[in-house]
Amino acid sequence: MNFMESMGKIFISLGFFLLLLGVIFLFLSKLGNNIPLFRLPGDIYIKRENFAFYFPLTTFLLLSLFLTLIANLILRR
């Protein structure tokens, strides 16, 4: 398999993944905003009178783990 074939397969896989992710987000948006999808325990949220700060630490860690597993499955030889 040459370079162009492998890049083509990666782009097709990425396209299907993004399509699936888009459908999931559209479905979740129909359920309303009561689903704490990205507000996990360990995320930092500070709210003051005129200020709000949100740093999704746990969400970033889980997303990184998930994307690493997906990348390892796709790029495994």
PDB file of N, CA and C in Angstrom:
ATOM      1  N   MET A   1       0.852  -1.169   0.000  1.00  0.00           N
ATOM      2  CA  MET A   1       0.000   0.000   0.000  1.00  0.00           C
ATOM      3  C   MET A   1       0.902   1.237   0.000  1.00  0.00           C
ATOM      4  N   ASN A   2       0.620   2.136  -0.914  1.00  0.00           N
ATOM      5  CA  ASN A   2       1.457   3.329  -0.979  1.00  0.00           C
ATOM      6  C   ASN A   2       0.877   4.437  -0.102  1.00  0.00           C
ATOM      7  N   PHE A   3       1.580   5.554  -0.099  1.00  0.00           N
ATOM      8  CA  PHE A   3       1.231   6.676   0.767  1.00  0.00           C
ATOM      9  C   PHE A   3      -0.146   7.248   0.443  1.00  0.00           C
ATOM     10  N   MET A   4      -0.452   7.395  -0.831  1.00  0.00           N
ATOM     11  CA  MET A   4      -1.729   7.996  -1.235  1.00  0.00           C
ATOM     12  C   MET A   4      -2.917   7.119  -0.819  1.00  0.00           C
ATOM     13  N   GLU A   5      -2.779   5.803  -0.925  1.00  0.00           N
ATOM     14  CA  GLU A   5      -3.855   4.903  -0.510  1.00  0.00           C
ATOM     15  C   GLU A   5      -4.092   4.986   0.993  1.00  0.00           C
ATOM     16  N   SER A   6      -3.011   5.006   1.763  1.00  0.00           N
ATOM     17  CA  SER A   6      -3.177   5.057   3.213  1.00  0.00           C
ATOM     18  C   SER A   6      -3.770   6.394   3.649  1.00  0.00           C
ATOM     19  N   MET A   7      -3.366   7.499   3.036  1.00  0.00           N
ATOM     20  CA  MET A   7      -3.943   8.801   3.361  1.00  0.00           C
ATOM     21  C   MET A   7      -5.424   8.844   2.970  1.00  0.00           C
ATOM     22  N   GLY A   8      -5.767   8.239   1.840  1.00  0.00           N
ATOM     23  CA  GLY A   8      -7.163   8.186   1.415  1.00  0.00           C
ATOM     24  C   GLY A   8      -8.020   7.436   2.420  1.00  0.00           C
ATOM     25  N   LYS A   9      -7.513   6.320   2.917  1.00  0.00           N
ATOM     26  CA  LYS A   9      -8.261   5.535   3.915  1.00  0.00           C
ATOM     27  C   LYS A   9      -8.412   6.311   5.219  1.00  0.00           C
ATOM     28  N   ILE A  10      -7.380   7.051   5.601  1.00  0.00           N
ATOM     29  CA  ILE A  10      -7.453   7.848   6.825  1.00  0.00           C
ATOM     30  C   ILE A  10      -8.503   8.942   6.670  1.00  0.00           C
ATOM     31  N   PHE A  11      -8.516   9.626   5.519  1.00  0.00           N
ATOM     32  CA  PHE A  11      -9.498  10.695   5.309  1.00  0.00           C
ATOM     33  C   PHE A  11     -10.928  10.158   5.236  1.00  0.00           C
ATOM     34  N   ILE A  12     -11.109   9.005   4.629  1.00  0.00           N
ATOM     35  CA  ILE A  12     -12.442   8.399   4.578  1.00  0.00           C
ATOM     36  C   ILE A  12     -12.895   8.004   5.986  1.00  0.00           C
ATOM     37  N   SER A  13     -11.999   7.418   6.769  1.00  0.00           N
ATOM     38  CA  SER A  13     -12.337   7.049   8.151  1.00  0.00           C
ATOM     39  C   SER A  13     -12.653   8.283   8.976  1.00  0.00           C
ATOM     40  N   LEU A  14     -11.867   9.327   8.808  1.00  0.00           N
ATOM     41  CA  LEU A  14     -12.107  10.570   9.538  1.00  0.00           C
ATOM     42  C   LEU A  14     -13.444  11.186   9.137  1.00  0.00           C
ATOM     43  N   GLY A  15     -13.775  11.125   7.859  1.00  0.00           N
ATOM     44  CA  GLY A  15     -15.056  11.652   7.383  1.00  0.00           C
ATOM     45  C   GLY A  15     -16.237  10.903   7.980  1.00  0.00           C
ATOM     46  N   PHE A  16     -16.169   9.573   8.014  1.00  0.00           N
ATOM     47  CA  PHE A  16     -17.241   8.788   8.625  1.00  0.00           C
ATOM     48  C   PHE A  16     -17.357   9.082  10.117  1.00  0.00           C
ATOM     49  N   PHE A  17     -16.220   9.235  10.787  1.00  0.00           N
ATOM     50  CA  PHE A  17     -16.223   9.543  12.210  1.00  0.00           C
ATOM     51  C   PHE A  17     -16.869  10.904  12.460  1.00  0.00           C
ATOM     52  N   LEU A  18     -16.513  11.909  11.670  1.00  0.00           N
ATOM     53  CA  LEU A  18     -17.102  13.236  11.843  1.00  0.00           C
ATOM     54  C   LEU A  18     -18.589  13.243  11.519  1.00  0.00           C
ATOM     55  N   LEU A  19     -18.990  12.475  10.526  1.00  0.00           N
ATOM     56  CA  LEU A  19     -20.415  12.363  10.194  1.00  0.00           C
ATOM     57  C   LEU A  19     -21.180  11.741  11.357  1.00  0.00           C
ATOM     58  N   LEU A  20     -20.654  10.674  11.921  1.00  0.00           N
ATOM     59  CA  LEU A  20     -21.283  10.022  13.066  1.00  0.00           C
ATOM     60  C   LEU A  20     -21.338  10.961  14.264  1.00  0.00           C
ATOM     61  N   LEU A  21     -20.267  11.682  14.504  1.00  0.00           N
ATOM     62  CA  LEU A  21     -20.232  12.629  15.607  1.00  0.00           C
ATOM     63  C   LEU A  21     -21.265  13.741  15.407  1.00  0.00           C
ATOM     64  N   GLY A  22     -21.418  14.222  14.185  1.00  0.00           N
ATOM     65  CA  GLY A  22     -22.418  15.240  13.890  1.00  0.00           C
ATOM     66  C   GLY A  22     -23.830  14.752  14.124  1.00  0.00           C
ATOM     67  N   VAL A  23     -24.117  13.526  13.718  1.00  0.00           N
ATOM     68  CA  VAL A  23     -25.450  12.953  13.939  1.00  0.00           C
ATOM     69  C   VAL A  23     -25.718  12.797  15.432  1.00  0.00           C
ATOM     70  N   ILE A  24     -24.730  12.384  16.185  1.00  0.00           N
ATOM     71  CA  ILE A  24     -24.891  12.231  17.634  1.00  0.00           C
ATOM     72  C   ILE A  24     -25.190  13.578  18.280  1.00  0.00           C
ATOM     73  N   PHE A  25     -24.460  14.618  17.882  1.00  0.00           N
ATOM     74  CA  PHE A  25     -24.696  15.937  18.463  1.00  0.00           C
ATOM     75  C   PHE A  25     -26.063  16.492  18.069  1.00  0.00           C
ATOM     76  N   LEU A  26     -26.498  16.244  16.852  1.00  0.00           N
ATOM     77  CA  LEU A  26     -27.834  16.680  16.460  1.00  0.00           C
ATOM     78  C   LEU A  26     -28.906  15.980  17.286  1.00  0.00           C
ATOM     79  N   PHE A  27     -28.721  14.686  17.512  1.00  0.00           N
ATOM     80  CA  PHE A  27     -29.675  13.932  18.320  1.00  0.00           C
ATOM     81  C   PHE A  27     -29.691  14.430  19.768  1.00  0.00           C
ATOM     82  N   LEU A  28     -28.510  14.694  20.329  1.00  0.00           N
ATOM     83  CA  LEU A  28     -28.440  15.168  21.708  1.00  0.00           C
ATOM     84  C   LEU A  28     -29.025  16.569  21.856  1.00  0.00           C
ATOM     85  N   SER A  29     -28.916  17.396  20.815  1.00  0.00           N
ATOM     86  CA  SER A  29     -29.481  18.740  20.905  1.00  0.00           C
ATOM     87  C   SER A  29     -31.004  18.698  20.947  1.00  0.00           C
ATOM     88  N   LYS A  30     -31.609  17.667  20.370  1.00  0.00           N
ATOM     89  CA  LYS A  30     -33.069  17.523  20.413  1.00  0.00           C
ATOM     90  C   LYS A  30     -33.553  17.129  21.806  1.00  0.00           C
ATOM     91  N   LEU A  31     -32.673  16.528  22.611  1.00  0.00           N
ATOM     92  CA  LEU A  31     -33.060  16.096  23.953  1.00  0.00           C
ATOM     93  C   LEU A  31     -33.091  17.242  24.947  1.00  0.00           C
ATOM     94  N   GLY A  32     -32.480  18.346  24.610  1.00  0.00           N
ATOM     95  CA  GLY A  32     -32.477  19.507  25.504  1.00  0.00           C
ATOM     96  C   GLY A  32     -31.128  19.726  26.137  1.00  0.00           C
ATOM     97  N   ASN A  33     -31.054  20.777  26.931  1.00  0.00           N
ATOM     98  CA  ASN A  33     -29.792  21.153  27.567  1.00  0.00           C
ATOM     99  C   ASN A  33     -29.646  20.583  28.973  1.00  0.00           C
ATOM    100  N   ASN A  34     -30.502  19.683  29.362  1.00  0.00           N
ATOM    101  CA  ASN A  34     -30.433  19.123  30.706  1.00  0.00           C
ATOM    102  C   ASN A  34     -29.437  17.978  30.824  1.00  0.00           C
ATOM    103  N   ILE A  35     -28.817  17.606  29.720  1.00  0.00           N
ATOM    104  CA  ILE A  35     -27.852  16.504  29.736  1.00  0.00           C
ATOM    105  C   ILE A  35     -26.468  17.072  30.011  1.00  0.00           C
ATOM    106  N   PRO A  36     -25.851  16.712  31.136  1.00  0.00           N
ATOM    107  CA  PRO A  36     -24.519  17.245  31.445  1.00  0.00           C
ATOM    108  C   PRO A  36     -23.423  16.489  30.691  1.00  0.00           C
ATOM    109  N   LEU A  37     -23.424  16.602  29.357  1.00  0.00           N
ATOM    110  CA  LEU A  37     -22.496  15.824  28.542  1.00  0.00           C
ATOM    111  C   LEU A  37     -21.055  16.232  28.781  1.00  0.00           C
ATOM    112  N   PHE A  38     -20.792  17.520  28.873  1.00  0.00           N
ATOM    113  CA  PHE A  38     -19.424  17.981  29.037  1.00  0.00           C
ATOM    114  C   PHE A  38     -19.201  18.658  30.373  1.00  0.00           C
ATOM    115  N   ARG A  39     -20.011  18.344  31.346  1.00  0.00           N
ATOM    116  CA  ARG A  39     -19.824  18.850  32.709  1.00  0.00           C
ATOM    117  C   ARG A  39     -19.610  17.663  33.630  1.00  0.00           C
ATOM    118  N   LEU A  40     -18.418  17.160  33.611  1.00  0.00           N
ATOM    119  CA  LEU A  40     -18.087  15.981  34.400  1.00  0.00           C
ATOM    120  C   LEU A  40     -17.468  16.380  35.726  1.00  0.00           C
ATOM    121  N   PRO A  41     -17.508  15.486  36.715  1.00  0.00           N
ATOM    122  CA  PRO A  41     -16.795  15.765  37.962  1.00  0.00           C
ATOM    123  C   PRO A  41     -15.300  15.907  37.668  1.00  0.00           C
ATOM    124  N   GLY A  42     -14.699  16.923  38.197  1.00  0.00           N
ATOM    125  CA  GLY A  42     -13.289  17.188  37.929  1.00  0.00           C
ATOM    126  C   GLY A  42     -13.099  18.350  36.968  1.00  0.00           C
ATOM    127  N   ASP A  43     -14.151  18.750  36.275  1.00  0.00           N
ATOM    128  CA  ASP A  43     -14.090  19.943  35.443  1.00  0.00           C
ATOM    129  C   ASP A  43     -14.126  21.164  36.357  1.00  0.00           C
ATOM    130  N   ILE A  44     -13.377  22.179  36.008  1.00  0.00           N
ATOM    131  CA  ILE A  44     -13.285  23.375  36.846  1.00  0.00           C
ATOM    132  C   ILE A  44     -14.284  24.403  36.345  1.00  0.00           C
ATOM    133  N   TYR A  45     -15.169  24.838  37.223  1.00  0.00           N
ATOM    134  CA  TYR A  45     -16.173  25.850  36.881  1.00  0.00           C
ATOM    135  C   TYR A  45     -16.227  26.872  38.001  1.00  0.00           C
ATOM    136  N   ILE A  46     -15.884  28.108  37.670  1.00  0.00           N
ATOM    137  CA  ILE A  46     -15.900  29.195  38.639  1.00  0.00           C
ATOM    138  C   ILE A  46     -16.871  30.249  38.124  1.00  0.00           C
ATOM    139  N   LYS A  47     -17.852  30.604  38.948  1.00  0.00           N
ATOM    140  CA  LYS A  47     -18.825  31.621  38.557  1.00  0.00           C
ATOM    141  C   LYS A  47     -18.853  32.706  39.619  1.00  0.00           C
ATOM    142  N   ARG A  48     -18.584  33.920  39.181  1.00  0.00           N
ATOM    143  CA  ARG A  48     -18.630  35.092  40.062  1.00  0.00           C
ATOM    144  C   ARG A  48     -19.738  36.015  39.580  1.00  0.00           C
ATOM    145  N   GLU A  49     -19.787  37.190  40.116  1.00  0.00           N
ATOM    146  CA  GLU A  49     -20.854  38.128  39.784  1.00  0.00           C
ATOM    147  C   GLU A  49     -20.859  38.491  38.301  1.00  0.00           C
ATOM    148  N   ASN A  50     -19.733  38.904  37.765  1.00  0.00           N
ATOM    149  CA  ASN A  50     -19.645  39.307  36.359  1.00  0.00           C
ATOM    150  C   ASN A  50     -18.662  38.451  35.578  1.00  0.00           C
ATOM    151  N   PHE A  51     -18.417  37.246  36.040  1.00  0.00           N
ATOM    152  CA  PHE A  51     -17.360  36.441  35.453  1.00  0.00           C
ATOM    153  C   PHE A  51     -17.718  34.962  35.562  1.00  0.00           C
ATOM    154  N   ALA A  52     -17.459  34.231  34.503  1.00  0.00           N
ATOM    155  CA  ALA A  52     -17.628  32.773  34.540  1.00  0.00           C
ATOM    156  C   ALA A  52     -16.439  32.143  33.825  1.00  0.00           C
ATOM    157  N   PHE A  53     -15.847  31.150  34.454  1.00  0.00           N
ATOM    158  CA  PHE A  53     -14.690  30.448  33.895  1.00  0.00           C
ATOM    159  C   PHE A  53     -14.975  28.957  33.933  1.00  0.00           C
ATOM    160  N   TYR A  54     -14.801  28.292  32.802  1.00  0.00           N
ATOM    161  CA  TYR A  54     -15.042  26.854  32.718  1.00  0.00           C
ATOM    162  C   TYR A  54     -13.853  26.212  32.040  1.00  0.00           C
ATOM    163  N   PHE A  55     -13.187  25.290  32.729  1.00  0.00           N
ATOM    164  CA  PHE A  55     -12.067  24.549  32.166  1.00  0.00           C
ATOM    165  C   PHE A  55     -12.377  23.063  32.288  1.00  0.00           C
ATOM    166  N   PRO A  56     -12.694  22.399  31.176  1.00  0.00           N
ATOM    167  CA  PRO A  56     -13.122  20.992  31.224  1.00  0.00           C
ATOM    168  C   PRO A  56     -11.952  20.014  31.315  1.00  0.00           C
ATOM    169  N   LEU A  57     -11.307  19.961  32.460  1.00  0.00           N
ATOM    170  CA  LEU A  57     -10.119  19.126  32.650  1.00  0.00           C
ATOM    171  C   LEU A  57     -10.428  17.643  32.457  1.00  0.00           C
ATOM    172  N   THR A  58     -11.423  17.127  33.152  1.00  0.00           N
ATOM    173  CA  THR A  58     -11.780  15.708  33.039  1.00  0.00           C
ATOM    174  C   THR A  58     -12.277  15.377  31.636  1.00  0.00           C
ATOM    175  N   THR A  59     -13.038  16.276  31.048  1.00  0.00           N
ATOM    176  CA  THR A  59     -13.541  16.060  29.697  1.00  0.00           C
ATOM    177  C   THR A  59     -12.383  15.961  28.712  1.00  0.00           C
ATOM    178  N   PHE A  60     -11.383  16.846  28.847  1.00  0.00           N
ATOM    179  CA  PHE A  60     -10.215  16.799  27.969  1.00  0.00           C
ATOM    180  C   PHE A  60      -9.449  15.476  28.131  1.00  0.00           C
ATOM    181  N   LEU A  61      -9.299  15.028  29.358  1.00  0.00           N
ATOM    182  CA  LEU A  61      -8.578  13.775  29.592  1.00  0.00           C
ATOM    183  C   LEU A  61      -9.307  12.580  28.974  1.00  0.00           C
ATOM    184  N   LEU A  62     -10.620  12.515  29.155  1.00  0.00           N
ATOM    185  CA  LEU A  62     -11.392  11.411  28.576  1.00  0.00           C
ATOM    186  C   LEU A  62     -11.414  11.488  27.046  1.00  0.00           C
ATOM    187  N   LEU A  63     -11.531  12.685  26.505  1.00  0.00           N
ATOM    188  CA  LEU A  63     -11.516  12.857  25.059  1.00  0.00           C
ATOM    189  C   LEU A  63     -10.160  12.457  24.476  1.00  0.00           C
ATOM    190  N   SER A  64      -9.097  12.815  25.164  1.00  0.00           N
ATOM    191  CA  SER A  64      -7.761  12.428  24.715  1.00  0.00           C
ATOM    192  C   SER A  64      -7.587  10.915  24.732  1.00  0.00           C
ATOM    193  N   LEU A  65      -8.056  10.275  25.780  1.00  0.00           N
ATOM    194  CA  LEU A  65      -7.983   8.817  25.867  1.00  0.00           C
ATOM    195  C   LEU A  65      -8.779   8.159  24.746  1.00  0.00           C
ATOM    196  N   PHE A  66      -9.993   8.646  24.510  1.00  0.00           N
ATOM    197  CA  PHE A  66     -10.853   8.097  23.459  1.00  0.00           C
ATOM    198  C   PHE A  66     -10.211   8.274  22.076  1.00  0.00           C
ATOM    199  N   LEU A  67      -9.700   9.461  21.784  1.00  0.00           N
ATOM    200  CA  LEU A  67      -9.085   9.702  20.476  1.00  0.00           C
ATOM    201  C   LEU A  67      -7.801   8.903  20.296  1.00  0.00           C
ATOM    202  N   THR A  68      -7.066   8.691  21.379  1.00  0.00           N
ATOM    203  CA  THR A  68      -5.867   7.853  21.301  1.00  0.00           C
ATOM    204  C   THR A  68      -6.233   6.414  20.971  1.00  0.00           C
ATOM    205  N   LEU A  69      -7.279   5.896  21.602  1.00  0.00           N
ATOM    206  CA  LEU A  69      -7.722   4.530  21.309  1.00  0.00           C
ATOM    207  C   LEU A  69      -8.202   4.401  19.867  1.00  0.00           C
ATOM    208  N   ILE A  70      -8.949   5.381  19.379  1.00  0.00           N
ATOM    209  CA  ILE A  70      -9.425   5.361  17.996  1.00  0.00           C
ATOM    210  C   ILE A  70      -8.252   5.414  17.027  1.00  0.00           C
ATOM    211  N   ALA A  71      -7.293   6.298  17.292  1.00  0.00           N
ATOM    212  CA  ALA A  71      -6.123   6.414  16.415  1.00  0.00           C
ATOM    213  C   ALA A  71      -5.316   5.124  16.392  1.00  0.00           C
ATOM    214  N   ASN A  72      -5.179   4.473  17.546  1.00  0.00           N
ATOM    215  CA  ASN A  72      -4.442   3.216  17.596  1.00  0.00           C
ATOM    216  C   ASN A  72      -5.169   2.110  16.834  1.00  0.00           C
ATOM    217  N   LEU A  73      -6.491   2.116  16.873  1.00  0.00           N
ATOM    218  CA  LEU A  73      -7.239   1.096  16.130  1.00  0.00           C
ATOM    219  C   LEU A  73      -7.150   1.328  14.635  1.00  0.00           C
ATOM    220  N   ILE A  74      -7.189   2.596  14.214  1.00  0.00           N
ATOM    221  CA  ILE A  74      -7.153   2.907  12.779  1.00  0.00           C
ATOM    222  C   ILE A  74      -5.745   2.706  12.208  1.00  0.00           C
ATOM    223  N   LEU A  75      -4.733   3.131  12.953  1.00  0.00           N
ATOM    224  CA  LEU A  75      -3.371   3.115  12.422  1.00  0.00           C
ATOM    225  C   LEU A  75      -2.603   1.850  12.751  1.00  0.00           C
ATOM    226  N   ARG A  76      -3.265   0.891  13.383  1.00  0.00           N
ATOM    227  CA  ARG A  76      -2.589  -0.377  13.720  1.00  0.00           C
ATOM    228  C   ARG A  76      -2.200  -1.117  12.450  1.00  0.00           C
ATOM    229  N   ARG A  77      -1.055  -1.694  12.454  1.00  0.00           N
ATOM    230  CA  ARG A  77      -0.580  -2.440  11.267  1.00  0.00           C
ATOM    231  C   ARG A  77      -0.650  -3.913  11.494  1.00  0.00           C
TER     232      ARG A  77
END
